[in-house]
Amino acid sequence: KNFRSISADGLGLAFATDQNAAAIV
């Protein structure tokens, strides 16, 4: 929340617990 290009409304990312990799696209 409120970090550089991310507003005070925030950004939440959930990662799959059964996967070994994640991609940000």
PDB file of all heavy atoms in Angstrom:
ATOM      1  N   LYS A   1       0.841  -1.197   0.000  1.00  0.00           N
ATOM      2  CA  LYS A   1       0.000   0.000   0.000  1.00  0.00           C
ATOM      3  C   LYS A   1       0.876   1.247   0.000  1.00  0.00           C
ATOM      4  O   LYS A   1       1.852   1.326   0.743  1.00  0.00           O
ATOM      5  CB  LYS A   1      -0.912   0.045   1.229  1.00  0.00           C
ATOM      6  CG  LYS A   1      -1.987  -0.998   1.233  1.00  0.00           C
ATOM      7  CD  LYS A   1      -2.916  -0.826   2.418  1.00  0.00           C
ATOM      8  CE  LYS A   1      -4.027  -1.860   2.379  1.00  0.00           C
ATOM      9  NZ  LYS A   1      -4.998  -1.643   3.440  1.00  0.00           N
ATOM     10  N   ASN A   2       0.501   2.211  -0.848  1.00  0.00           N
ATOM     11  CA  ASN A   2       1.132   3.537  -0.898  1.00  0.00           C
ATOM     12  C   ASN A   2       2.625   3.461  -1.190  1.00  0.00           C
ATOM     13  O   ASN A   2       3.417   4.217  -0.645  1.00  0.00           O
ATOM     14  CB  ASN A   2       0.883   4.308   0.406  1.00  0.00           C
ATOM     15  CG  ASN A   2       1.074   5.805   0.237  1.00  0.00           C
ATOM     16  OD1 ASN A   2       0.777   6.348  -0.818  1.00  0.00           O
ATOM     17  ND2 ASN A   2       1.570   6.468   1.266  1.00  0.00           N
ATOM     18  N   PHE A   3       3.022   2.555  -2.073  1.00  0.00           N
ATOM     19  CA  PHE A   3       4.433   2.373  -2.412  1.00  0.00           C
ATOM     20  C   PHE A   3       4.650   2.631  -3.896  1.00  0.00           C
ATOM     21  O   PHE A   3       4.118   1.911  -4.738  1.00  0.00           O
ATOM     22  CB  PHE A   3       4.892   0.969  -2.045  1.00  0.00           C
ATOM     23  CG  PHE A   3       6.333   0.698  -2.344  1.00  0.00           C
ATOM     24  CD1 PHE A   3       7.335   1.378  -1.668  1.00  0.00           C
ATOM     25  CD2 PHE A   3       6.690  -0.240  -3.286  1.00  0.00           C
ATOM     26  CE1 PHE A   3       8.670   1.123  -1.938  1.00  0.00           C
ATOM     27  CE2 PHE A   3       8.019  -0.505  -3.561  1.00  0.00           C
ATOM     28  CZ  PHE A   3       9.012   0.180  -2.885  1.00  0.00           C
ATOM     29  N   ARG A   4       5.367   3.681  -4.199  1.00  0.00           N
ATOM     30  CA  ARG A   4       5.734   4.076  -5.556  1.00  0.00           C
ATOM     31  C   ARG A   4       4.511   4.146  -6.469  1.00  0.00           C
ATOM     32  O   ARG A   4       3.699   5.033  -6.302  1.00  0.00           O
ATOM     33  CB  ARG A   4       6.828   3.175  -6.098  1.00  0.00           C
ATOM     34  CG  ARG A   4       8.102   3.300  -5.261  1.00  0.00           C
ATOM     35  CD  ARG A   4       9.246   2.565  -5.829  1.00  0.00           C
ATOM     36  NE  ARG A   4      10.424   2.751  -4.971  1.00  0.00           N
ATOM     37  CZ  ARG A   4      11.537   2.100  -5.150  1.00  0.00           C
ATOM     38  NH1 ARG A   4      11.664   1.240  -6.141  1.00  0.00           N
ATOM     39  NH2 ARG A   4      12.554   2.319  -4.336  1.00  0.00           N
ATOM     40  N   SER A   5       4.324   3.247  -7.411  1.00  0.00           N
ATOM     41  CA  SER A   5       3.184   3.340  -8.334  1.00  0.00           C
ATOM     42  C   SER A   5       1.924   2.673  -7.783  1.00  0.00           C
ATOM     43  O   SER A   5       0.893   2.670  -8.446  1.00  0.00           O
ATOM     44  CB  SER A   5       3.545   2.703  -9.681  1.00  0.00           C
ATOM     45  OG  SER A   5       3.786   1.319  -9.521  1.00  0.00           O
ATOM     46  N   ILE A   6       1.988   2.133  -6.584  1.00  0.00           N
ATOM     47  CA  ILE A   6       0.854   1.426  -5.983  1.00  0.00           C
ATOM     48  C   ILE A   6       0.170   2.364  -4.995  1.00  0.00           C
ATOM     49  O   ILE A   6       0.782   2.807  -4.028  1.00  0.00           O
ATOM     50  CB  ILE A   6       1.321   0.127  -5.307  1.00  0.00           C
ATOM     51  CG1 ILE A   6       2.014  -0.756  -6.355  1.00  0.00           C
ATOM     52  CG2 ILE A   6       0.153  -0.589  -4.657  1.00  0.00           C
ATOM     53  CD1 ILE A   6       2.856  -1.851  -5.792  1.00  0.00           C
ATOM     54  N   SER A   7      -1.100   2.650  -5.232  1.00  0.00           N
ATOM     55  CA  SER A   7      -1.820   3.656  -4.441  1.00  0.00           C
ATOM     56  C   SER A   7      -2.080   3.186  -3.008  1.00  0.00           C
ATOM     57  O   SER A   7      -1.829   2.030  -2.656  1.00  0.00           O
ATOM     58  CB  SER A   7      -3.143   4.000  -5.122  1.00  0.00           C
ATOM     59  OG  SER A   7      -4.054   2.937  -4.979  1.00  0.00           O
ATOM     60  N   ALA A   8      -2.651   4.087  -2.221  1.00  0.00           N
ATOM     61  CA  ALA A   8      -2.984   3.784  -0.826  1.00  0.00           C
ATOM     62  C   ALA A   8      -4.102   2.753  -0.729  1.00  0.00           C
ATOM     63  O   ALA A   8      -4.287   2.147   0.326  1.00  0.00           O
ATOM     64  CB  ALA A   8      -3.362   5.062  -0.090  1.00  0.00           C
ATOM     65  N   ASP A   9      -4.865   2.556  -1.806  1.00  0.00           N
ATOM     66  CA  ASP A   9      -5.884   1.499  -1.819  1.00  0.00           C
ATOM     67  C   ASP A   9      -5.238   0.127  -1.727  1.00  0.00           C
ATOM     68  O   ASP A   9      -5.828  -0.809  -1.218  1.00  0.00           O
ATOM     69  CB  ASP A   9      -6.735   1.581  -3.080  1.00  0.00           C
ATOM     70  CG  ASP A   9      -7.578   2.837  -3.125  1.00  0.00           C
ATOM     71  OD1 ASP A   9      -7.866   3.404  -2.048  1.00  0.00           O
ATOM     72  OD2 ASP A   9      -7.951   3.249  -4.235  1.00  0.00           O
ATOM     73  N   GLY A  10      -4.047   0.014  -2.244  1.00  0.00           N
ATOM     74  CA  GLY A  10      -3.255  -1.191  -2.086  1.00  0.00           C
ATOM     75  C   GLY A  10      -3.378  -2.195  -3.204  1.00  0.00           C
ATOM     76  O   GLY A  10      -4.252  -2.123  -4.064  1.00  0.00           O
ATOM     77  N   LEU A  11      -2.468  -3.137  -3.149  1.00  0.00           N
ATOM     78  CA  LEU A  11      -2.403  -4.241  -4.094  1.00  0.00           C
ATOM     79  C   LEU A  11      -2.149  -5.493  -3.289  1.00  0.00           C
ATOM     80  O   LEU A  11      -1.202  -5.555  -2.504  1.00  0.00           O
ATOM     81  CB  LEU A  11      -1.258  -4.019  -5.099  1.00  0.00           C
ATOM     82  CG  LEU A  11      -0.900  -5.183  -6.001  1.00  0.00           C
ATOM     83  CD1 LEU A  11      -2.029  -5.440  -7.000  1.00  0.00           C
ATOM     84  CD2 LEU A  11       0.398  -4.906  -6.730  1.00  0.00           C
ATOM     85  N   GLY A  12      -2.997  -6.466  -3.453  1.00  0.00           N
ATOM     86  CA  GLY A  12      -2.804  -7.753  -2.795  1.00  0.00           C
ATOM     87  C   GLY A  12      -2.570  -8.832  -3.828  1.00  0.00           C
ATOM     88  O   GLY A  12      -3.327  -8.943  -4.792  1.00  0.00           O
ATOM     89  N   LEU A  13      -1.516  -9.588  -3.654  1.00  0.00           N
ATOM     90  CA  LEU A  13      -1.211 -10.696  -4.552  1.00  0.00           C
ATOM     91  C   LEU A  13      -1.287 -11.994  -3.770  1.00  0.00           C
ATOM     92  O   LEU A  13      -0.680 -12.113  -2.705  1.00  0.00           O
ATOM     93  CB  LEU A  13       0.189 -10.552  -5.144  1.00  0.00           C
ATOM     94  CG  LEU A  13       0.465  -9.317  -5.990  1.00  0.00           C
ATOM     95  CD1 LEU A  13       1.943  -9.257  -6.367  1.00  0.00           C
ATOM     96  CD2 LEU A  13      -0.381  -9.340  -7.235  1.00  0.00           C
ATOM     97  N   ALA A  14      -2.034 -12.943  -4.283  1.00  0.00           N
ATOM     98  CA  ALA A  14      -2.114 -14.264  -3.665  1.00  0.00           C
ATOM     99  C   ALA A  14      -1.319 -15.240  -4.529  1.00  0.00           C
ATOM    100  O   ALA A  14      -1.467 -15.259  -5.753  1.00  0.00           O
ATOM    101  CB  ALA A  14      -3.558 -14.710  -3.557  1.00  0.00           C
ATOM    102  N   PHE A  15      -0.475 -16.023  -3.892  1.00  0.00           N
ATOM    103  CA  PHE A  15       0.349 -16.991  -4.597  1.00  0.00           C
ATOM    104  C   PHE A  15      -0.207 -18.390  -4.359  1.00  0.00           C
ATOM    105  O   PHE A  15      -0.598 -18.729  -3.248  1.00  0.00           O
ATOM    106  CB  PHE A  15       1.797 -16.921  -4.104  1.00  0.00           C
ATOM    107  CG  PHE A  15       2.448 -15.597  -4.343  1.00  0.00           C
ATOM    108  CD1 PHE A  15       2.505 -14.642  -3.340  1.00  0.00           C
ATOM    109  CD2 PHE A  15       3.004 -15.292  -5.572  1.00  0.00           C
ATOM    110  CE1 PHE A  15       3.102 -13.413  -3.557  1.00  0.00           C
ATOM    111  CE2 PHE A  15       3.604 -14.065  -5.798  1.00  0.00           C
ATOM    112  CZ  PHE A  15       3.650 -13.125  -4.791  1.00  0.00           C
ATOM    113  N   ALA A  16      -0.223 -19.188  -5.403  1.00  0.00           N
ATOM    114  CA  ALA A  16      -0.688 -20.570  -5.284  1.00  0.00           C
ATOM    115  C   ALA A  16       0.285 -21.350  -4.408  1.00  0.00           C
ATOM    116  O   ALA A  16       1.495 -21.308  -4.622  1.00  0.00           O
ATOM    117  CB  ALA A  16      -0.800 -21.210  -6.659  1.00  0.00           C
ATOM    118  N   THR A  17      -0.235 -22.029  -3.417  1.00  0.00           N
ATOM    119  CA  THR A  17       0.638 -22.767  -2.494  1.00  0.00           C
ATOM    120  C   THR A  17       1.070 -24.122  -3.051  1.00  0.00           C
ATOM    121  O   THR A  17       1.985 -24.730  -2.512  1.00  0.00           O
ATOM    122  CB  THR A  17      -0.070 -22.974  -1.144  1.00  0.00           C
ATOM    123  OG1 THR A  17      -1.314 -23.641  -1.372  1.00  0.00           O
ATOM    124  CG2 THR A  17      -0.319 -21.631  -0.465  1.00  0.00           C
ATOM    125  N   ASP A  18       0.418 -24.561  -4.113  1.00  0.00           N
ATOM    126  CA  ASP A  18       0.778 -25.848  -4.695  1.00  0.00           C
ATOM    127  C   ASP A  18       1.654 -25.707  -5.939  1.00  0.00           C
ATOM    128  O   ASP A  18       1.885 -26.670  -6.655  1.00  0.00           O
ATOM    129  CB  ASP A  18      -0.479 -26.646  -5.031  1.00  0.00           C
ATOM    130  CG  ASP A  18      -1.356 -25.937  -6.047  1.00  0.00           C
ATOM    131  OD1 ASP A  18      -1.216 -24.722  -6.212  1.00  0.00           O
ATOM    132  OD2 ASP A  18      -2.191 -26.612  -6.680  1.00  0.00           O
ATOM    133  N   GLN A  19       2.173 -24.506  -6.196  1.00  0.00           N
ATOM    134  CA  GLN A  19       3.019 -24.253  -7.355  1.00  0.00           C
ATOM    135  C   GLN A  19       4.414 -23.832  -6.896  1.00  0.00           C
ATOM    136  O   GLN A  19       4.580 -23.262  -5.827  1.00  0.00           O
ATOM    137  CB  GLN A  19       2.418 -23.137  -8.221  1.00  0.00           C
ATOM    138  CG  GLN A  19       1.032 -23.446  -8.753  1.00  0.00           C
ATOM    139  CD  GLN A  19       1.036 -24.559  -9.775  1.00  0.00           C
ATOM    140  OE1 GLN A  19       1.910 -24.637 -10.631  1.00  0.00           O
ATOM    141  NE2 GLN A  19       0.057 -25.454  -9.678  1.00  0.00           N
ATOM    142  N   ASN A  20       5.402 -24.104  -7.727  1.00  0.00           N
ATOM    143  CA  ASN A  20       6.778 -23.755  -7.402  1.00  0.00           C
ATOM    144  C   ASN A  20       7.238 -22.461  -8.055  1.00  0.00           C
ATOM    145  O   ASN A  20       8.363 -22.034  -7.843  1.00  0.00           O
ATOM    146  CB  ASN A  20       7.726 -24.879  -7.822  1.00  0.00           C
ATOM    147  CG  ASN A  20       7.541 -26.101  -6.953  1.00  0.00           C
ATOM    148  OD1 ASN A  20       7.251 -25.988  -5.779  1.00  0.00           O
ATOM    149  ND2 ASN A  20       7.687 -27.277  -7.542  1.00  0.00           N
ATOM    150  N   ALA A  21       6.398 -21.847  -8.873  1.00  0.00           N
ATOM    151  CA  ALA A  21       6.793 -20.639  -9.578  1.00  0.00           C
ATOM    152  C   ALA A  21       5.614 -19.683  -9.688  1.00  0.00           C
ATOM    153  O   ALA A  21       4.454 -20.094  -9.632  1.00  0.00           O
ATOM    154  CB  ALA A  21       7.305 -20.982 -10.970  1.00  0.00           C
ATOM    155  N   ALA A  22       5.941 -18.423  -9.830  1.00  0.00           N
ATOM    156  CA  ALA A  22       4.929 -17.387 -10.057  1.00  0.00           C
ATOM    157  C   ALA A  22       5.481 -16.434 -11.101  1.00  0.00           C
ATOM    158  O   ALA A  22       6.692 -16.236 -11.195  1.00  0.00           O
ATOM    159  CB  ALA A  22       4.613 -16.642  -8.770  1.00  0.00           C
ATOM    160  N   ALA A  23       4.595 -15.858 -11.881  1.00  0.00           N
ATOM    161  CA  ALA A  23       5.000 -14.904 -12.915  1.00  0.00           C
ATOM    162  C   ALA A  23       4.251 -13.598 -12.707  1.00  0.00           C
ATOM    163  O   ALA A  23       3.062 -13.598 -12.392  1.00  0.00           O
ATOM    164  CB  ALA A  23       4.705 -15.466 -14.295  1.00  0.00           C
ATOM    165  N   ILE A  24       4.959 -12.506 -12.872  1.00  0.00           N
ATOM    166  CA  ILE A  24       4.348 -11.180 -12.829  1.00  0.00           C
ATOM    167  C   ILE A  24       4.400 -10.651 -14.254  1.00  0.00           C
ATOM    168  O   ILE A  24       5.482 -10.428 -14.800  1.00  0.00           O
ATOM    169  CB  ILE A  24       5.091 -10.247 -11.860  1.00  0.00           C
ATOM    170  CG1 ILE A  24       5.066 -10.835 -10.456  1.00  0.00           C
ATOM    171  CG2 ILE A  24       4.479  -8.864 -11.881  1.00  0.00           C
ATOM    172  CD1 ILE A  24       5.910 -10.096  -9.459  1.00  0.00           C
ATOM    173  N   VAL A  25       3.232 -10.478 -14.845  1.00  0.00           N
ATOM    174  CA  VAL A  25       3.139 -10.104 -16.245  1.00  0.00           C
ATOM    175  C   VAL A  25       2.315  -8.833 -16.372  1.00  0.00           C
ATOM    176  O   VAL A  25       1.283  -8.699 -15.716  1.00  0.00           O
ATOM    177  CB  VAL A  25       2.477 -11.238 -17.066  1.00  0.00           C
ATOM    178  CG1 VAL A  25       2.373 -10.861 -18.533  1.00  0.00           C
ATOM    179  CG2 VAL A  25       3.237 -12.538 -16.890  1.00  0.00           C
TER     180      VAL A  25
END
